[in-house]
Amino acid sequence: MPVLNDEVPDEGDFDAGRRRGEFDDITPEDFIRGSGHGNPPGWLGPADISRARRQLPIAYVEIVPIRTDDLGRVSRIGSLLHVSDDGSIERTLITGRVLFHESIREAIARNVAKDLGDIALPMLPQSLQPFTVAEFFPTPGLSEYYDPRQHAITLCYVVPIAGDCKPQDETLDVEWVDPRGGMMETFIRQMTNGHGRIVRQALGWLDL
């Protein structure tokens, strides 16, 4: 997936008006054609980010989406059907990088919108304390968390979704399941590379 326009907000983005210092006068077109003064700070082309992934840990957020009832009790746990890098279909969670000059809270909101659409209406956590931190390694067997692309340090959050979900990009569908029902265990088993363990930890954190 292209990295270029991902670094700068479009006009309609939720945080487009936020001042960003060195980024204030940069447009998405500058990432493609250049600004005439070199690339913006923090810019990485495809080759650069591939090299960074081979040499540096990368910060990520991972979101377990939930639905709640009128009393705030968890009624559904969500998972995504997603197209993986090799073109296969996998069950996973909302996950994505924290971009340069982006706060963790903004990263959560952006990645929810990226997978579930702009009207998902995530209820962002009051505290940025994650319920767990998962460390994914590119070496199989080094830990239960595995990502063949990179060493990723992932902050994991439970986020209630109040709006309508319209899957975007590589996300084909979002499926919701009763956390107390028989399908919950099936969903967890279908998640690979440690994402199922993250869901189990979320269920424990939610006291379910």
C-alpha atoms as a PDB file:
ATOM      1  CA  MET A   1       0.000   0.000   0.000  1.00  0.00           C
ATOM      2  CA  PRO A   2       1.398   3.497  -0.808  1.00  0.00           C
ATOM      3  CA  VAL A   3       2.879   5.437   2.065  1.00  0.00           C
ATOM      4  CA  LEU A   4       2.807   8.830   0.388  1.00  0.00           C
ATOM      5  CA  ASN A   5      -0.523  10.478   1.207  1.00  0.00           C
ATOM      6  CA  ASP A   6      -0.820   8.695   4.546  1.00  0.00           C
ATOM      7  CA  GLU A   7       1.310  11.308   6.305  1.00  0.00           C
ATOM      8  CA  VAL A   8      -0.769  14.449   5.619  1.00  0.00           C
ATOM      9  CA  PRO A   9      -4.480  14.970   6.410  1.00  0.00           C
ATOM     10  CA  ASP A  10      -6.949  15.705   3.643  1.00  0.00           C
ATOM     11  CA  GLU A  11      -9.353  18.650   3.965  1.00  0.00           C
ATOM     12  CA  GLY A  12     -12.220  16.606   5.382  1.00  0.00           C
ATOM     13  CA  ASP A  13     -10.183  14.597   7.918  1.00  0.00           C
ATOM     14  CA  PHE A  14     -11.219  14.854  11.553  1.00  0.00           C
ATOM     15  CA  ASP A  15      -7.947  16.519  12.594  1.00  0.00           C
ATOM     16  CA  ALA A  16      -7.137  18.432   9.402  1.00  0.00           C
ATOM     17  CA  GLY A  17      -7.151  21.783  11.218  1.00  0.00           C
ATOM     18  CA  ARG A  18      -4.638  20.783  13.886  1.00  0.00           C
ATOM     19  CA  ARG A  19      -1.368  22.741  13.683  1.00  0.00           C
ATOM     20  CA  ARG A  20       1.578  20.454  12.949  1.00  0.00           C
ATOM     21  CA  GLY A  21       4.588  22.759  13.016  1.00  0.00           C
ATOM     22  CA  GLU A  22       6.789  21.788  10.081  1.00  0.00           C
ATOM     23  CA  PHE A  23       3.795  20.098   8.402  1.00  0.00           C
ATOM     24  CA  ASP A  24       1.496  23.132   8.383  1.00  0.00           C
ATOM     25  CA  ASP A  25       2.006  24.140   4.745  1.00  0.00           C
ATOM     26  CA  ILE A  26       2.543  20.671   3.281  1.00  0.00           C
ATOM     27  CA  THR A  27      -0.078  19.186   0.955  1.00  0.00           C
ATOM     28  CA  PRO A  28      -0.533  15.562  -0.147  1.00  0.00           C
ATOM     29  CA  GLU A  29       0.667  16.608  -3.623  1.00  0.00           C
ATOM     30  CA  ASP A  30       3.995  17.663  -2.097  1.00  0.00           C
ATOM     31  CA  PHE A  31       4.600  14.036  -1.161  1.00  0.00           C
ATOM     32  CA  ILE A  32       4.128  12.948  -4.752  1.00  0.00           C
ATOM     33  CA  ARG A  33       5.814  15.739  -6.688  1.00  0.00           C
ATOM     34  CA  GLY A  34       7.993  17.340  -4.028  1.00  0.00           C
ATOM     35  CA  SER A  35       7.610  20.771  -2.466  1.00  0.00           C
ATOM     36  CA  GLY A  36      10.619  22.324  -4.184  1.00  0.00           C
ATOM     37  CA  HIS A  37      12.479  22.357  -0.867  1.00  0.00           C
ATOM     38  CA  GLY A  38      13.094  18.638  -0.454  1.00  0.00           C
ATOM     39  CA  ASN A  39      10.725  16.152   1.124  1.00  0.00           C
ATOM     40  CA  PRO A  40       8.752  17.056   4.264  1.00  0.00           C
ATOM     41  CA  PRO A  41      10.270  15.997   7.614  1.00  0.00           C
ATOM     42  CA  GLY A  42       9.547  12.400   8.505  1.00  0.00           C
ATOM     43  CA  TRP A  43       8.751  11.398   4.922  1.00  0.00           C
ATOM     44  CA  LEU A  44       9.676   7.828   3.977  1.00  0.00           C
ATOM     45  CA  GLY A  45       9.367   6.371   0.512  1.00  0.00           C
ATOM     46  CA  PRO A  46       8.581   2.682  -0.016  1.00  0.00           C
ATOM     47  CA  ALA A  47      12.251   1.662  -0.077  1.00  0.00           C
ATOM     48  CA  ASP A  48      13.031   3.700   3.040  1.00  0.00           C
ATOM     49  CA  ILE A  49      10.164   2.313   5.075  1.00  0.00           C
ATOM     50  CA  SER A  50      11.042  -1.235   4.020  1.00  0.00           C
ATOM     51  CA  ARG A  51      14.587  -0.624   5.214  1.00  0.00           C
ATOM     52  CA  ALA A  52      13.346   0.906   8.475  1.00  0.00           C
ATOM     53  CA  ARG A  53      11.146  -2.142   9.072  1.00  0.00           C
ATOM     54  CA  ARG A  54      14.218  -4.366   8.706  1.00  0.00           C
ATOM     55  CA  GLN A  55      16.301  -2.295  11.125  1.00  0.00           C
ATOM     56  CA  LEU A  56      14.029  -0.584  13.695  1.00  0.00           C
ATOM     57  CA  PRO A  57      11.072  -1.452  15.913  1.00  0.00           C
ATOM     58  CA  ILE A  58       7.916   0.229  14.572  1.00  0.00           C
ATOM     59  CA  ALA A  59       5.173   1.650  16.826  1.00  0.00           C
ATOM     60  CA  TYR A  60       1.653   0.329  16.171  1.00  0.00           C
ATOM     61  CA  VAL A  61      -1.808   0.489  17.713  1.00  0.00           C
ATOM     62  CA  GLU A  62      -4.184  -2.487  17.675  1.00  0.00           C
ATOM     63  CA  ILE A  63      -7.871  -2.031  18.414  1.00  0.00           C
ATOM     64  CA  VAL A  64     -10.413  -4.595  19.613  1.00  0.00           C
ATOM     65  CA  PRO A  65     -13.749  -3.053  18.522  1.00  0.00           C
ATOM     66  CA  ILE A  66     -16.768  -3.633  20.737  1.00  0.00           C
ATOM     67  CA  ARG A  67     -20.475  -2.808  20.807  1.00  0.00           C
ATOM     68  CA  THR A  68     -22.150  -1.912  24.091  1.00  0.00           C
ATOM     69  CA  ASP A  69     -25.771  -1.874  25.253  1.00  0.00           C
ATOM     70  CA  ASP A  70     -27.637   1.092  26.759  1.00  0.00           C
ATOM     71  CA  LEU A  71     -26.029   0.431  30.154  1.00  0.00           C
ATOM     72  CA  GLY A  72     -22.500   0.337  28.757  1.00  0.00           C
ATOM     73  CA  ARG A  73     -22.163  -3.455  29.022  1.00  0.00           C
ATOM     74  CA  VAL A  74     -20.220  -5.234  26.266  1.00  0.00           C
ATOM     75  CA  SER A  75     -22.664  -6.972  23.935  1.00  0.00           C
ATOM     76  CA  ARG A  76     -20.459  -7.765  20.915  1.00  0.00           C
ATOM     77  CA  ILE A  77     -16.790  -8.184  20.043  1.00  0.00           C
ATOM     78  CA  GLY A  78     -15.762  -7.312  16.496  1.00  0.00           C
ATOM     79  CA  SER A  79     -13.206  -8.805  14.143  1.00  0.00           C
ATOM     80  CA  LEU A  80     -12.273  -8.012  10.544  1.00  0.00           C
ATOM     81  CA  LEU A  81     -12.089 -10.141   7.443  1.00  0.00           C
ATOM     82  CA  HIS A  82      -9.047  -8.691   5.775  1.00  0.00           C
ATOM     83  CA  VAL A  83      -6.959  -9.170   2.626  1.00  0.00           C
ATOM     84  CA  SER A  84      -3.412  -9.964   3.719  1.00  0.00           C
ATOM     85  CA  ASP A  85      -0.254  -8.929   1.870  1.00  0.00           C
ATOM     86  CA  ASP A  86      -0.150 -12.259   0.006  1.00  0.00           C
ATOM     87  CA  GLY A  87      -3.782 -11.898  -1.125  1.00  0.00           C
ATOM     88  CA  SER A  88      -5.257 -14.457   1.256  1.00  0.00           C
ATOM     89  CA  ILE A  89      -8.233 -13.769   3.542  1.00  0.00           C
ATOM     90  CA  GLU A  90      -7.576 -13.600   7.290  1.00  0.00           C
ATOM     91  CA  ARG A  91      -9.500 -12.749  10.437  1.00  0.00           C
ATOM     92  CA  THR A  92      -7.791 -10.004  12.363  1.00  0.00           C
ATOM     93  CA  LEU A  93      -8.223  -6.771  14.328  1.00  0.00           C
ATOM     94  CA  ILE A  94      -7.898  -3.078  13.514  1.00  0.00           C
ATOM     95  CA  THR A  95      -4.189  -2.348  13.416  1.00  0.00           C
ATOM     96  CA  GLY A  96      -1.844   0.226  11.956  1.00  0.00           C
ATOM     97  CA  ARG A  97       1.274   2.312  12.428  1.00  0.00           C
ATOM     98  CA  VAL A  98       1.569   5.450  14.518  1.00  0.00           C
ATOM     99  CA  LEU A  99       2.709   8.006  11.954  1.00  0.00           C
ATOM    100  CA  PHE A 100       5.349  10.686  12.387  1.00  0.00           C
ATOM    101  CA  HIS A 101       3.937  13.741  14.207  1.00  0.00           C
ATOM    102  CA  GLU A 102       0.719  11.875  15.051  1.00  0.00           C
ATOM    103  CA  SER A 103      -0.552  11.344  18.593  1.00  0.00           C
ATOM    104  CA  ILE A 104      -1.612   7.869  19.759  1.00  0.00           C
ATOM    105  CA  ARG A 105      -5.195   9.088  20.100  1.00  0.00           C
ATOM    106  CA  GLU A 106      -5.141  10.321  16.492  1.00  0.00           C
ATOM    107  CA  ALA A 107      -3.611   7.033  15.359  1.00  0.00           C
ATOM    108  CA  ILE A 108      -6.476   5.089  16.971  1.00  0.00           C
ATOM    109  CA  ALA A 109      -9.112   7.289  15.300  1.00  0.00           C
ATOM    110  CA  ARG A 110      -7.379   7.208  11.900  1.00  0.00           C
ATOM    111  CA  ASN A 111      -6.951   3.434  11.864  1.00  0.00           C
ATOM    112  CA  VAL A 112     -10.569   2.829  12.907  1.00  0.00           C
ATOM    113  CA  ALA A 113     -11.721   5.103  10.058  1.00  0.00           C
ATOM    114  CA  LYS A 114      -9.291   3.404   7.653  1.00  0.00           C
ATOM    115  CA  ASP A 115     -10.868  -0.024   8.265  1.00  0.00           C
ATOM    116  CA  LEU A 116     -14.459   0.760   9.312  1.00  0.00           C
ATOM    117  CA  GLY A 117     -15.210   4.049   7.536  1.00  0.00           C
ATOM    118  CA  ASP A 118     -15.691   7.635   8.620  1.00  0.00           C
ATOM    119  CA  ILE A 119     -19.059   7.076  10.360  1.00  0.00           C
ATOM    120  CA  ALA A 120     -17.935   4.260  12.681  1.00  0.00           C
ATOM    121  CA  LEU A 121     -17.859   6.852  15.523  1.00  0.00           C
ATOM    122  CA  PRO A 122     -15.234   5.278  17.811  1.00  0.00           C
ATOM    123  CA  MET A 123     -15.472   6.303  21.463  1.00  0.00           C
ATOM    124  CA  LEU A 124     -11.808   7.030  22.109  1.00  0.00           C
ATOM    125  CA  PRO A 125     -10.439   5.944  25.491  1.00  0.00           C
ATOM    126  CA  GLN A 126     -10.134   8.569  28.215  1.00  0.00           C
ATOM    127  CA  SER A 127      -6.819   7.058  29.255  1.00  0.00           C
ATOM    128  CA  LEU A 128      -4.085   6.128  26.798  1.00  0.00           C
ATOM    129  CA  GLN A 129      -3.013   3.251  29.054  1.00  0.00           C
ATOM    130  CA  PRO A 130      -3.266   0.135  26.806  1.00  0.00           C
ATOM    131  CA  PHE A 131      -4.709  -3.071  28.243  1.00  0.00           C
ATOM    132  CA  THR A 132      -1.586  -4.866  26.976  1.00  0.00           C
ATOM    133  CA  VAL A 133       1.513  -4.323  24.848  1.00  0.00           C
ATOM    134  CA  ALA A 134       2.226  -6.978  22.200  1.00  0.00           C
ATOM    135  CA  GLU A 135       5.692  -7.242  20.708  1.00  0.00           C
ATOM    136  CA  PHE A 136       5.616  -8.796  17.224  1.00  0.00           C
ATOM    137  CA  PHE A 137       8.860 -10.250  15.845  1.00  0.00           C
ATOM    138  CA  PRO A 138       9.763 -11.156  12.240  1.00  0.00           C
ATOM    139  CA  THR A 139      11.392 -14.406  13.426  1.00  0.00           C
ATOM    140  CA  PRO A 140       8.980 -17.357  13.790  1.00  0.00           C
ATOM    141  CA  GLY A 141       8.985 -18.933  17.242  1.00  0.00           C
ATOM    142  CA  LEU A 142      10.685 -16.047  19.023  1.00  0.00           C
ATOM    143  CA  SER A 143       7.364 -15.143  20.655  1.00  0.00           C
ATOM    144  CA  GLU A 144       3.674 -15.926  20.145  1.00  0.00           C
ATOM    145  CA  TYR A 145       3.354 -12.632  18.242  1.00  0.00           C
ATOM    146  CA  TYR A 146       4.663 -12.866  14.678  1.00  0.00           C
ATOM    147  CA  ASP A 147       4.832 -10.348  11.830  1.00  0.00           C
ATOM    148  CA  PRO A 148       7.014 -11.414   8.878  1.00  0.00           C
ATOM    149  CA  ARG A 149       7.543  -7.770   7.815  1.00  0.00           C
ATOM    150  CA  GLN A 150       8.950  -6.214  10.951  1.00  0.00           C
ATOM    151  CA  HIS A 151       9.554  -5.922  14.671  1.00  0.00           C
ATOM    152  CA  ALA A 152       6.420  -4.062  15.839  1.00  0.00           C
ATOM    153  CA  ILE A 153       5.683  -2.772  19.336  1.00  0.00           C
ATOM    154  CA  THR A 154       1.892  -2.671  19.511  1.00  0.00           C
ATOM    155  CA  LEU A 155      -0.242  -0.776  22.038  1.00  0.00           C
ATOM    156  CA  CYS A 156      -3.587  -2.576  22.359  1.00  0.00           C
ATOM    157  CA  TYR A 157      -6.892  -0.848  23.130  1.00  0.00           C
ATOM    158  CA  VAL A 158     -10.565  -1.782  23.473  1.00  0.00           C
ATOM    159  CA  VAL A 159     -12.651   0.840  21.640  1.00  0.00           C
ATOM    160  CA  PRO A 160     -16.479   0.996  21.614  1.00  0.00           C
ATOM    161  CA  ILE A 161     -17.913   1.633  18.142  1.00  0.00           C
ATOM    162  CA  ALA A 162     -21.132   3.670  18.193  1.00  0.00           C
ATOM    163  CA  GLY A 163     -21.768   4.261  14.479  1.00  0.00           C
ATOM    164  CA  ASP A 164     -22.239   2.315  11.267  1.00  0.00           C
ATOM    165  CA  CYS A 165     -19.348   0.336   9.854  1.00  0.00           C
ATOM    166  CA  LYS A 166     -18.568   0.496   6.144  1.00  0.00           C
ATOM    167  CA  PRO A 167     -15.431  -1.604   5.577  1.00  0.00           C
ATOM    168  CA  GLN A 168     -12.710   0.144   3.579  1.00  0.00           C
ATOM    169  CA  ASP A 169      -9.617  -0.772   1.541  1.00  0.00           C
ATOM    170  CA  GLU A 170      -8.363  -4.306   2.360  1.00  0.00           C
ATOM    171  CA  THR A 171     -11.122  -4.809   4.958  1.00  0.00           C
ATOM    172  CA  LEU A 172     -13.840  -6.943   3.400  1.00  0.00           C
ATOM    173  CA  ASP A 173     -16.234  -7.159   6.326  1.00  0.00           C
ATOM    174  CA  VAL A 174     -16.570  -6.663  10.070  1.00  0.00           C
ATOM    175  CA  GLU A 175     -18.256  -9.461  12.010  1.00  0.00           C
ATOM    176  CA  TRP A 176     -19.640  -9.154  15.521  1.00  0.00           C
ATOM    177  CA  VAL A 177     -20.036 -11.993  17.994  1.00  0.00           C
ATOM    178  CA  ASP A 178     -21.458 -12.372  21.507  1.00  0.00           C
ATOM    179  CA  PRO A 179     -18.403 -12.624  23.795  1.00  0.00           C
ATOM    180  CA  ARG A 180     -20.298 -15.122  25.975  1.00  0.00           C
ATOM    181  CA  GLY A 181     -21.511 -17.256  23.052  1.00  0.00           C
ATOM    182  CA  GLY A 182     -20.044 -20.346  21.435  1.00  0.00           C
ATOM    183  CA  MET A 183     -18.770 -18.520  18.337  1.00  0.00           C
ATOM    184  CA  MET A 184     -16.308 -16.412  20.330  1.00  0.00           C
ATOM    185  CA  GLU A 185     -13.877 -19.311  20.688  1.00  0.00           C
ATOM    186  CA  THR A 186     -14.159 -20.089  16.963  1.00  0.00           C
ATOM    187  CA  PHE A 187     -13.345 -16.499  16.044  1.00  0.00           C
ATOM    188  CA  ILE A 188     -10.299 -16.484  18.329  1.00  0.00           C
ATOM    189  CA  ARG A 189      -8.971 -19.733  16.841  1.00  0.00           C
ATOM    190  CA  GLN A 190      -9.265 -18.244  13.340  1.00  0.00           C
ATOM    191  CA  MET A 191      -6.911 -15.389  14.243  1.00  0.00           C
ATOM    192  CA  THR A 192      -3.251 -16.143  13.593  1.00  0.00           C
ATOM    193  CA  ASN A 193       0.137 -14.773  14.640  1.00  0.00           C
ATOM    194  CA  GLY A 194      -0.968 -13.795  18.162  1.00  0.00           C
ATOM    195  CA  HIS A 195      -4.020 -11.641  17.418  1.00  0.00           C
ATOM    196  CA  GLY A 196      -6.280 -14.241  19.039  1.00  0.00           C
ATOM    197  CA  ARG A 197      -4.266 -13.960  22.246  1.00  0.00           C
ATOM    198  CA  ILE A 198      -4.811 -10.200  22.190  1.00  0.00           C
ATOM    199  CA  VAL A 199      -8.577 -10.815  22.052  1.00  0.00           C
ATOM    200  CA  ARG A 200      -8.315 -13.227  25.010  1.00  0.00           C
ATOM    201  CA  GLN A 201      -6.436 -10.589  26.988  1.00  0.00           C
ATOM    202  CA  ALA A 202      -9.104  -8.008  26.049  1.00  0.00           C
ATOM    203  CA  LEU A 203     -11.825 -10.348  27.313  1.00  0.00           C
ATOM    204  CA  GLY A 204      -9.966 -10.745  30.598  1.00  0.00           C
ATOM    205  CA  TRP A 205      -9.481  -6.988  30.884  1.00  0.00           C
ATOM    206  CA  LEU A 206     -13.227  -6.546  30.287  1.00  0.00           C
ATOM    207  CA  ASP A 207     -13.921  -9.217  32.940  1.00  0.00           C
ATOM    208  CA  LEU A 208     -15.774 -11.419  30.432  1.00  0.00           C
END
